[in-house]
């Protein structure tokens, strides 16, 4: 699973920056290996005790769900109930799943596009063609700022952008038109997205320590023929983890304990990072767990649609009762932008150079 910051496809650290960050932390006496999910879970339970709370409700999103599951596994006595949004199970080696997860989201996109009759046929084939062409000859894009910026975009870069757009409904609704315009060599919408503002929010040192110690490098040999192969191979973790040099923790716990804790597991139908079948997988070890899949949205359910909050409120009213929130059945498929003109509002700010 790529960082939640994955939408910002073109904001990447260099090898020198990673080494400088590591050296600065080590020089301060910081033990990089001490930052892992088990230690984070122990910290959370210590916080509960320090606050004098007998039991509380855990709420986690994305990696936070893996952390919540670890707290539930190691410190169940302090957990009344849990809400897991975009679920990352304890026994998944997530770095090996990025490509298949993206492909799954593309399959759902094609299905809904065909039903809407607003999309070009064979979106996945178009994406494969774009990736192959841009990996062979990256396109140079130029912004239309007062001081123009330039950036090459490869096939791996384009797929990274596609992956990020699957995170939220608005991005999903733009995706078919973006793929179509790029396939037809109209790079204006792509350029506008590339030069949009970049957000922060990820503690990179913590991220590397956890990801590099608790996941394994993907098996690149078995994916060479896939359209997403260059994207997986270009993942920062593949080169950053050998530089970060942290001690390996057990990769993907084989048999998580059965947890008798009422748990709500939320999943976005389109989520490319933590797909809905991971929620059902985690629920196998949660006899009092219930999974709710939300139509037409991606990652981080509660922040994506008001229905997510309604379902949570229903659950919290009685965690031992099955949720019956009416909005679940009213969720709709994405309303896709139609062709390049559907992206016209974002297509005026940059061009191919």
Protein backbone atom coordinates (compact mmCIF):
# COMPACT_ATOMS: atom_id res chain seq x y z
CA UNK A 1 0.00 0.00 0.00
CA UNK A 2 1.45 3.33 -1.02
CA UNK A 3 1.46 6.28 1.30
CA UNK A 4 -1.80 8.15 1.79
CA UNK A 5 0.12 11.03 0.22
CA UNK A 6 0.18 9.03 -3.02
CA UNK A 7 -2.08 11.52 -4.80
CA UNK A 8 0.90 13.88 -4.92
CA UNK A 9 2.56 11.77 -7.58
CA UNK A 10 5.34 14.17 -8.49
CA UNK A 11 6.48 15.20 -5.02
CA UNK A 12 9.36 12.78 -4.46
CA UNK A 13 12.45 12.77 -2.28
CA UNK A 14 15.88 12.17 -3.78
CA UNK A 15 18.39 9.60 -2.52
CA UNK A 16 20.57 12.38 -1.10
CA UNK A 17 17.59 13.78 0.82
CA UNK A 18 16.73 10.37 2.28
CA UNK A 19 20.33 9.80 3.37
CA UNK A 20 20.52 13.30 4.87
CA UNK A 21 17.28 12.73 6.78
CA UNK A 22 18.49 9.39 8.11
CA UNK A 23 21.88 10.77 9.13
CA UNK A 24 20.32 13.70 10.95
CA UNK A 25 17.98 11.44 12.94
CA UNK A 26 20.71 8.95 13.85
CA UNK A 27 23.02 11.81 14.89
CA UNK A 28 20.38 12.85 17.43
CA UNK A 29 20.50 9.37 18.94
CA UNK A 30 17.17 8.28 17.51
CA UNK A 31 16.76 4.52 17.13
CA UNK A 32 14.99 4.17 13.78
CA UNK A 33 14.10 0.53 14.48
CA UNK A 34 12.08 1.59 17.53
CA UNK A 35 9.41 3.08 15.27
CA UNK A 36 7.10 0.26 14.26
CA UNK A 37 3.49 -0.78 14.59
CA UNK A 38 3.98 -2.81 17.77
CA UNK A 39 5.67 0.11 19.55
CA UNK A 40 3.02 2.53 18.26
CA UNK A 41 0.32 0.22 19.64
CA UNK A 42 2.04 0.10 23.04
CA UNK A 43 2.18 3.91 23.04
CA UNK A 44 -1.55 4.13 22.38
CA UNK A 45 -2.34 1.79 25.25
CA UNK A 46 0.02 3.71 27.55
CA UNK A 47 -1.81 6.91 26.59
CA UNK A 48 -5.15 5.34 27.51
CA UNK A 49 -3.81 4.37 30.92
CA UNK A 50 -2.23 7.78 31.49
CA UNK A 51 -5.58 9.45 30.75
CA UNK A 52 -7.35 7.15 33.20
CA UNK A 53 -9.66 5.70 30.55
CA UNK A 54 -10.83 2.17 31.26
CA UNK A 55 -12.01 1.41 27.72
CA UNK A 56 -12.27 3.47 24.58
CA UNK A 57 -13.37 3.27 20.94
CA UNK A 58 -10.55 3.10 18.43
CA UNK A 59 -10.84 4.89 15.10
CA UNK A 60 -8.26 4.36 12.38
CA UNK A 61 -7.92 5.20 8.69
CA UNK A 62 -5.63 3.37 6.24
CA UNK A 63 -2.39 2.53 8.13
CA UNK A 64 -4.30 3.63 11.24
CA UNK A 65 -6.51 0.55 10.82
CA UNK A 66 -3.45 -1.71 10.94
CA UNK A 67 -2.36 0.09 14.08
CA UNK A 68 -5.84 -0.26 15.60
CA UNK A 69 -5.82 -3.98 14.81
CA UNK A 70 -2.44 -4.26 16.55
CA UNK A 71 -3.81 -2.48 19.63
CA UNK A 72 -6.83 -4.80 19.60
CA UNK A 73 -4.52 -7.82 19.25
CA UNK A 74 -2.00 -6.86 21.94
CA UNK A 75 -4.12 -4.77 24.34
CA UNK A 76 -7.75 -5.91 23.90
CA UNK A 77 -8.66 -5.16 27.51
CA UNK A 78 -8.70 -1.42 26.78
CA UNK A 79 -10.85 -1.49 23.64
CA UNK A 80 -14.65 -1.17 23.79
CA UNK A 81 -15.18 -1.10 20.00
CA UNK A 82 -13.33 -0.14 16.82
CA UNK A 83 -14.05 1.72 13.60
CA UNK A 84 -11.68 0.75 10.79
CA UNK A 85 -11.88 2.93 7.67
CA UNK A 86 -10.00 1.67 4.56
CA UNK A 87 -8.67 -1.49 6.14
CA UNK A 88 -5.05 -2.70 6.07
CA UNK A 89 -4.97 -6.17 7.66
CA UNK A 90 -2.06 -7.32 9.82
CA UNK A 91 -1.22 -10.27 7.57
CA UNK A 92 -0.98 -8.48 4.20
CA UNK A 93 2.40 -7.74 2.57
CA UNK A 94 0.94 -4.62 1.01
CA UNK A 95 3.88 -3.56 -1.16
CA UNK A 96 3.35 -6.68 -3.23
CA UNK A 97 -0.30 -5.77 -3.89
CA UNK A 98 -0.13 -2.27 -5.42
CA UNK A 99 -0.28 -3.43 -9.03
CA UNK A 100 -3.14 -5.96 -8.64
CA UNK A 101 -5.08 -3.46 -6.50
CA UNK A 102 -4.77 -0.75 -9.16
CA UNK A 103 -5.85 -3.22 -11.84
CA UNK A 104 -8.90 -4.14 -9.77
CA UNK A 105 -9.92 -0.47 -9.51
CA UNK A 106 -9.48 -0.09 -13.27
CA UNK A 107 -11.77 -3.10 -13.84
CA UNK A 108 -14.49 -1.47 -11.71
CA UNK A 109 -13.99 1.82 -13.59
CA UNK A 110 -14.40 0.08 -16.95
CA UNK A 111 -17.55 -1.67 -15.75
CA UNK A 112 -19.23 1.52 -14.57
CA UNK A 113 -18.07 3.47 -17.62
CA UNK A 114 -19.63 0.96 -19.99
CA UNK A 115 -22.91 1.23 -18.10
CA UNK A 116 -22.84 5.03 -18.23
CA UNK A 117 -22.11 5.06 -21.98
CA UNK A 118 -20.03 8.21 -21.43
CA UNK A 119 -16.60 6.65 -21.79
CA UNK A 120 -14.34 5.32 -24.49
CA UNK A 121 -14.20 1.52 -24.66
CA UNK A 122 -11.25 -0.44 -23.24
CA UNK A 123 -9.95 2.12 -20.75
CA UNK A 124 -7.48 -0.39 -19.40
CA UNK A 125 -6.10 -0.98 -22.90
CA UNK A 126 -5.76 2.78 -23.38
CA UNK A 127 -3.92 3.09 -20.06
CA UNK A 128 -1.58 0.27 -21.11
CA UNK A 129 -0.84 2.08 -24.41
CA UNK A 130 -0.22 5.40 -22.65
CA UNK A 131 2.09 3.79 -20.10
CA UNK A 132 4.10 2.00 -22.77
CA UNK A 133 4.44 5.12 -24.94
CA UNK A 134 5.38 7.47 -22.11
CA UNK A 135 7.90 5.01 -20.65
CA UNK A 136 9.51 4.84 -24.08
CA UNK A 137 9.35 8.61 -24.61
CA UNK A 138 8.33 10.74 -21.59
CA UNK A 139 6.39 13.86 -22.47
CA UNK A 140 7.71 17.29 -21.42
CA UNK A 141 4.94 19.42 -19.95
CA UNK A 142 4.98 23.14 -19.24
CA UNK A 143 2.91 25.12 -16.78
CA UNK A 144 1.36 28.49 -17.64
CA UNK A 145 2.58 30.25 -14.50
CA UNK A 146 4.24 33.65 -14.63
CA UNK A 147 7.46 31.70 -14.30
CA UNK A 148 6.77 28.51 -16.27
CA UNK A 149 7.80 25.17 -14.80
CA UNK A 150 8.71 22.10 -16.82
CA UNK A 151 8.37 18.43 -15.99
CA UNK A 152 8.83 15.16 -17.81
CA UNK A 153 6.06 12.61 -17.28
CA UNK A 154 6.79 8.92 -17.83
CA UNK A 155 4.38 6.02 -18.04
CA UNK A 156 5.07 5.22 -14.39
CA UNK A 157 4.31 8.84 -13.47
CA UNK A 158 1.01 8.73 -15.33
CA UNK A 159 -0.07 5.52 -13.60
CA UNK A 160 0.90 7.04 -10.26
CA UNK A 161 -1.43 9.94 -11.02
CA UNK A 162 -4.22 7.52 -11.97
CA UNK A 163 -3.68 5.64 -8.71
CA UNK A 164 -4.01 8.87 -6.73
CA UNK A 165 -7.18 9.96 -8.55
CA UNK A 166 -8.88 6.75 -7.46
CA UNK A 167 -8.68 8.01 -3.87
CA UNK A 168 -11.73 10.28 -4.08
CA UNK A 169 -14.99 10.46 -6.00
CA UNK A 170 -14.17 13.64 -7.90
CA UNK A 171 -10.93 12.11 -9.13
CA UNK A 172 -12.73 8.90 -10.15
CA UNK A 173 -15.25 10.92 -12.13
CA UNK A 174 -12.46 12.70 -14.03
CA UNK A 175 -10.37 9.60 -14.74
CA UNK A 176 -12.00 8.27 -17.92
CA UNK A 177 -11.84 11.69 -19.59
CA UNK A 178 -8.22 12.14 -18.51
CA UNK A 179 -7.25 8.74 -19.90
CA UNK A 180 -9.11 9.46 -23.15
CA UNK A 181 -7.58 12.91 -23.65
CA UNK A 182 -4.07 11.62 -22.93
CA UNK A 183 -4.60 8.64 -25.24
CA UNK A 184 -5.58 11.13 -27.98
CA UNK A 185 -2.39 13.15 -27.34
CA UNK A 186 -4.21 16.07 -25.71
CA UNK A 187 -1.92 16.69 -22.74
CA UNK A 188 -3.54 19.89 -21.41
CA UNK A 189 -5.62 18.22 -18.65
CA UNK A 190 -2.65 16.06 -17.66
CA UNK A 191 -0.37 19.09 -17.43
CA UNK A 192 -2.84 20.97 -15.25
CA UNK A 193 -3.01 18.07 -12.81
CA UNK A 194 0.76 17.63 -12.76
CA UNK A 195 1.36 21.24 -11.76
CA UNK A 196 -1.33 21.48 -9.12
CA UNK A 197 -0.16 22.36 -5.62
CA UNK A 198 1.59 19.66 -3.62
CA UNK A 199 0.49 18.83 -0.10
CA UNK A 200 2.53 17.49 2.79
CA UNK A 201 1.28 15.63 5.80
CA UNK A 202 3.37 12.45 5.94
CA UNK A 203 6.11 12.02 8.54
CA UNK A 204 8.63 10.57 6.10
CA UNK A 205 11.02 9.17 8.71
CA UNK A 206 8.24 7.31 10.52
CA UNK A 207 6.85 6.12 7.20
CA UNK A 208 10.18 4.66 6.05
CA UNK A 209 10.91 3.02 9.40
CA UNK A 210 7.55 1.26 9.46
CA UNK A 211 7.21 0.40 5.79
CA UNK A 212 10.81 -0.72 5.31
CA UNK A 213 10.77 -2.96 8.38
CA UNK A 214 7.27 -4.42 8.05
CA UNK A 215 6.92 -5.06 4.32
CA UNK A 216 8.93 -6.85 1.65
CA UNK A 217 10.06 -5.65 -1.76
CA UNK A 218 7.54 -6.77 -4.39
CA UNK A 219 8.43 -9.66 -6.68
CA UNK A 220 9.21 -7.66 -9.81
CA UNK A 221 10.02 -10.69 -11.97
CA UNK A 222 6.44 -11.99 -11.92
CA UNK A 223 4.96 -8.68 -13.07
CA UNK A 224 7.21 -7.73 -15.99
CA UNK A 225 4.45 -8.18 -18.56
CA UNK A 226 1.90 -6.05 -16.67
CA UNK A 227 1.11 -2.49 -17.76
CA UNK A 228 1.79 -1.29 -14.21
CA UNK A 229 5.21 -2.99 -13.88
CA UNK A 230 7.31 0.16 -14.37
CA UNK A 231 5.16 2.00 -11.84
CA UNK A 232 5.68 -0.66 -9.15
CA UNK A 233 9.40 -0.80 -9.92
CA UNK A 234 9.68 3.00 -9.63
CA UNK A 235 8.17 3.02 -6.12
CA UNK A 236 10.38 5.07 -3.79
CA UNK A 237 10.45 2.31 -1.17
CA UNK A 238 12.36 0.01 -3.55
CA UNK A 239 15.43 2.24 -3.41
CA UNK A 240 14.83 4.11 -0.15
CA UNK A 241 14.50 1.07 2.11
CA UNK A 242 18.05 -0.22 1.38
CA UNK A 243 19.28 3.27 2.31
CA UNK A 244 17.15 3.55 5.46
CA UNK A 245 18.69 0.37 6.93
CA UNK A 246 16.23 -0.64 9.63
CA UNK A 247 15.97 -4.04 11.23
CA UNK A 248 13.34 -6.26 9.68
CA UNK A 249 10.22 -7.08 11.68
CA UNK A 250 8.09 -10.13 10.85
CA UNK A 251 6.60 -9.54 7.40
CA UNK A 252 2.82 -9.90 7.53
CA UNK A 253 1.66 -11.80 10.62
CA UNK A 254 0.51 -15.24 9.49
CA UNK A 255 -2.29 -15.86 11.97
CA UNK A 256 -3.79 -12.79 13.67
CA UNK A 257 -5.74 -13.65 16.79
CA UNK A 258 -9.54 -13.78 16.72
CA UNK A 259 -10.68 -10.55 18.38
CA UNK A 260 -14.01 -10.53 20.25
CA UNK A 261 -14.45 -6.77 19.89
CA UNK A 262 -17.37 -5.07 18.08
CA UNK A 263 -15.80 -3.62 14.94
CA UNK A 264 -17.12 -1.60 12.01
CA UNK A 265 -15.05 -1.99 8.83
CA UNK A 266 -15.63 0.63 6.12
CA UNK A 267 -14.49 0.18 2.53
CA UNK A 268 -14.66 2.28 -0.62
CA UNK A 269 -15.65 0.32 -3.71
CA UNK A 270 -12.93 1.95 -5.83
CA UNK A 271 -10.17 2.12 -3.21
CA UNK A 272 -6.84 1.34 -4.97
CA UNK A 273 -4.75 1.28 -1.79
CA UNK A 274 -6.83 -0.76 0.65
CA UNK A 275 -9.39 -2.62 -1.50
CA UNK A 276 -12.71 -3.74 -0.11
CA UNK A 277 -11.77 -7.43 -0.06
CA UNK A 278 -9.10 -6.59 2.54
CA UNK A 279 -11.91 -5.47 4.88
CA UNK A 280 -13.64 -8.84 4.44
CA UNK A 281 -10.30 -10.59 4.94
CA UNK A 282 -9.68 -8.77 8.24
CA UNK A 283 -13.26 -9.47 9.33
CA UNK A 284 -12.57 -13.22 9.28
CA UNK A 285 -10.75 -12.72 12.60
CA UNK A 286 -13.44 -10.42 13.98
CA UNK A 287 -16.50 -12.49 14.95
CA UNK A 288 -18.28 -9.29 16.02
CA UNK A 289 -17.18 -7.34 12.96
CA UNK A 290 -19.33 -6.02 10.12
CA UNK A 291 -18.19 -4.71 6.74
CA UNK A 292 -19.88 -1.89 4.85
CA UNK A 293 -18.81 -1.19 1.25
CA UNK A 294 -19.63 2.25 -0.18
CA UNK A 295 -20.59 2.54 -3.83
CA UNK A 296 -18.64 4.88 -6.08
CA UNK A 297 -15.96 6.15 -3.68
CA UNK A 298 -12.31 5.38 -2.99
CA UNK A 299 -10.05 5.77 0.05
CA UNK A 300 -11.00 7.26 3.45
CA UNK A 301 -14.75 6.68 3.49
CA UNK A 302 -15.74 9.04 6.31
CA UNK A 303 -14.09 12.05 4.66
CA UNK A 304 -15.38 11.07 1.21
CA UNK A 305 -19.14 11.02 1.75
CA UNK A 306 -21.56 12.06 4.55
CA UNK A 307 -23.02 8.55 4.51
CA UNK A 308 -19.83 7.31 6.16
CA UNK A 309 -20.46 9.46 9.23
CA UNK A 310 -24.10 8.35 9.35
CA UNK A 311 -23.05 4.70 9.38
CA UNK A 312 -20.52 5.38 12.16
CA UNK A 313 -23.19 7.13 14.26
CA UNK A 314 -25.52 4.16 13.73
CA UNK A 315 -22.78 1.77 14.84
CA UNK A 316 -21.84 3.77 17.93
CA UNK A 317 -25.48 3.85 19.06
CA UNK A 318 -25.20 0.09 19.58
CA UNK A 319 -21.94 -1.58 18.45
CA UNK A 320 -23.46 -5.04 18.92
CA UNK A 321 -26.30 -4.39 16.47
CA UNK A 322 -26.03 -4.59 12.70
CA UNK A 323 -26.07 -1.12 11.14
CA UNK A 324 -29.18 -0.30 9.13
CA UNK A 325 -28.29 3.17 7.83
CA UNK A 326 -30.58 4.03 4.93
CA UNK A 327 -28.02 6.04 2.95
CA UNK A 328 -25.95 2.93 2.13
CA UNK A 329 -28.46 1.71 -0.43
CA UNK A 330 -28.74 5.20 -1.93
CA UNK A 331 -25.06 5.47 -2.87
CA UNK A 332 -24.64 5.89 -6.63
CA UNK A 333 -22.07 5.13 -9.28
CA UNK A 334 -19.72 7.97 -10.26
CA UNK A 335 -21.01 10.55 -12.75
CA UNK A 336 -18.21 10.60 -15.25
CA UNK A 337 -17.01 13.68 -17.11
CA UNK A 338 -17.72 13.30 -20.84
CA UNK A 339 -14.66 13.36 -23.11
CA UNK A 340 -11.99 16.03 -23.14
CA UNK A 341 -14.63 18.76 -22.92
CA UNK A 342 -15.57 17.36 -19.54
CA UNK A 343 -12.16 18.41 -18.31
CA UNK A 344 -12.20 21.84 -19.94
CA UNK A 345 -12.41 23.62 -16.59
CA UNK A 346 -9.01 22.19 -15.63
CA UNK A 347 -7.45 22.14 -19.07
CA UNK A 348 -6.50 25.77 -19.64
CA UNK A 349 -3.53 26.20 -17.35
CA UNK A 350 -0.71 24.21 -18.97
CA UNK A 351 0.38 22.63 -22.23
CA UNK A 352 2.80 20.22 -23.76
CA UNK A 353 6.09 21.89 -24.58
